[in-house]
Structures are given as C-alpha cells and as structure tokens.
C-alpha cells in the first residue's frame, strides 16, 4: 500500500516493523520516506487511511480496550448505592466531623 503512494520514495523502501504485543493486538509501525516534507502530515494521514481500508477489505478489525469496572464497598458502609457525581466525589467525613477548621 505504501509503495503505491506517489509521494513515498522507492528507496529506502517502506517497511512494516513489529513494535510490540499489546493487550489485544500485535502492534506494527509503517515506515515510509518522502522528499515532500511540507506534505508529510497529509501523506501520513493518507497512508493511515489506506492501511485502515486495506485491513477492512481483508476482513480484519481493530481491537479497542474493554475494561471491567467493579464497585467495591466496605462491609460497614451498608448496601451500595448509586450517588450523584458531586456526592460520589466529595471527600468522606468521619463521624462527628463538622467540616469546620
């Protein structure tokens, strides 16, 4: 795909380089060179779009992180409750604390 771009140099040839194993992915970096430095951001965008389209045509999907969130509570707090954001983020006070200095 990068070799077909008219503004990517033939020498040195574009390379797909393994970078790392991700949580749910194998990460590669596409390296390509151009002598049109003023157009590099646009060329980079075109290459990224081309890679995405090629993956899609090949039936591949890009993973996205999925996280599981668990709400833990202290056994002495009683049943868990859903609180408005302001109440949930307000610092807790100990019994007898009036909040005054």
Protein backbone atom coordinates (compact mmCIF):
# COMPACT_ATOMS: atom_id res chain seq x y z
CA UNK A 1 0.00 0.00 0.00
CA UNK A 2 2.77 2.48 0.90
CA UNK A 3 4.76 1.51 -2.19
CA UNK A 4 1.79 2.57 -4.34
CA UNK A 5 1.64 6.10 -2.87
CA UNK A 6 3.06 8.55 -5.44
CA UNK A 7 4.88 10.68 -2.85
CA UNK A 8 6.56 7.82 -0.95
CA UNK A 9 10.14 7.22 -2.05
CA UNK A 10 11.05 3.87 -3.59
CA UNK A 11 14.45 3.96 -1.84
CA UNK A 12 14.58 3.36 1.05
CA UNK A 13 11.61 1.08 0.61
CA UNK A 14 8.64 1.35 3.00
CA UNK A 15 8.73 -1.12 5.89
CA UNK A 16 6.18 -2.62 8.27
CA UNK A 17 8.06 -3.12 11.55
CA UNK A 18 6.88 -5.13 14.56
CA UNK A 19 6.80 -2.88 17.62
CA UNK A 20 5.18 -4.84 20.48
CA UNK A 21 2.47 -7.17 21.66
CA UNK A 22 -0.46 -5.14 23.01
CA UNK A 23 -3.21 -6.24 25.39
CA UNK A 24 -5.32 -7.49 22.47
CA UNK A 25 -3.12 -6.71 19.48
CA UNK A 26 0.14 -7.13 17.65
CA UNK A 27 1.50 -3.61 17.03
CA UNK A 28 3.29 -2.71 13.83
CA UNK A 29 4.57 0.62 12.55
CA UNK A 30 4.53 1.55 8.88
CA UNK A 31 7.70 3.44 7.97
CA UNK A 32 7.83 5.37 4.72
CA UNK A 33 10.05 8.15 3.44
CA UNK A 34 9.31 11.16 1.27
CA UNK A 35 11.14 14.21 -0.01
CA UNK A 36 7.93 16.25 0.27
CA UNK A 37 8.44 17.26 3.90
CA UNK A 38 5.85 20.05 3.73
CA UNK A 39 3.25 17.41 2.82
CA UNK A 40 4.28 14.77 5.38
CA UNK A 41 1.24 15.24 7.69
CA UNK A 42 -1.10 14.79 4.72
CA UNK A 43 0.87 11.80 3.37
CA UNK A 44 0.85 10.19 6.82
CA UNK A 45 -2.93 10.65 7.00
CA UNK A 46 -3.37 9.14 3.53
CA UNK A 47 -1.22 6.14 4.49
CA UNK A 48 -3.17 5.59 7.72
CA UNK A 49 -6.46 5.73 5.81
CA UNK A 50 -5.09 3.30 3.24
CA UNK A 51 -3.95 0.85 5.90
CA UNK A 52 -7.35 1.04 7.61
CA UNK A 53 -9.17 0.44 4.31
CA UNK A 54 -6.87 -2.49 3.42
CA UNK A 55 -7.47 -4.13 6.81
CA UNK A 56 -11.22 -3.65 6.42
CA UNK A 57 -11.18 -5.20 2.92
CA UNK A 58 -9.24 -8.16 4.34
CA UNK A 59 -11.96 -8.68 6.98
CA UNK A 60 -9.74 -7.61 9.88
CA UNK A 61 -10.94 -5.40 12.71
CA UNK A 62 -9.00 -3.15 15.06
CA UNK A 63 -9.31 -4.05 18.75
CA UNK A 64 -10.36 -1.50 21.31
CA UNK A 65 -9.75 -1.67 25.03
CA UNK A 66 -12.52 -3.12 27.15
CA UNK A 67 -12.45 -2.67 30.88
CA UNK A 68 -14.49 -4.21 33.62
CA UNK A 69 -15.38 -1.84 36.43
CA UNK A 70 -16.31 -3.21 39.84
CA UNK A 71 -17.64 -1.10 42.67
CA UNK A 72 -16.20 -2.26 45.98
CA UNK A 73 -17.59 -1.18 49.30
CA UNK A 74 -16.58 -1.56 52.88
CA UNK A 75 -18.69 -4.11 54.79
CA UNK A 76 -19.52 -1.38 57.35
CA UNK A 77 -20.85 1.01 54.67
CA UNK A 78 -24.13 -0.87 54.25
CA UNK A 79 -25.66 -1.56 50.84
CA UNK A 80 -24.01 0.01 47.81
CA UNK A 81 -25.88 2.99 46.39
CA UNK A 82 -25.68 4.99 43.20
CA UNK A 83 -24.79 8.56 44.10
CA UNK A 84 -24.82 11.73 42.01
CA UNK A 85 -21.33 12.64 40.76
CA UNK A 86 -20.93 15.50 43.25
CA UNK A 87 -21.79 13.26 46.21
CA UNK A 88 -19.61 10.42 44.95
CA UNK A 89 -16.55 12.66 44.58
CA UNK A 90 -16.98 14.64 47.81
CA UNK A 91 -14.42 13.67 50.50
CA UNK A 92 -15.87 11.46 53.24
CA UNK A 93 -16.08 12.81 56.74
CA UNK A 94 -15.65 10.80 59.87
CA UNK A 95 -18.48 10.75 62.46
CA UNK A 96 -18.56 13.97 64.46
CA UNK A 97 -16.59 15.92 61.81
CA UNK A 98 -18.40 19.23 61.23
CA UNK A 99 -16.22 20.17 58.27
CA UNK A 100 -15.12 23.38 60.03
CA UNK A 101 -11.42 24.07 60.67
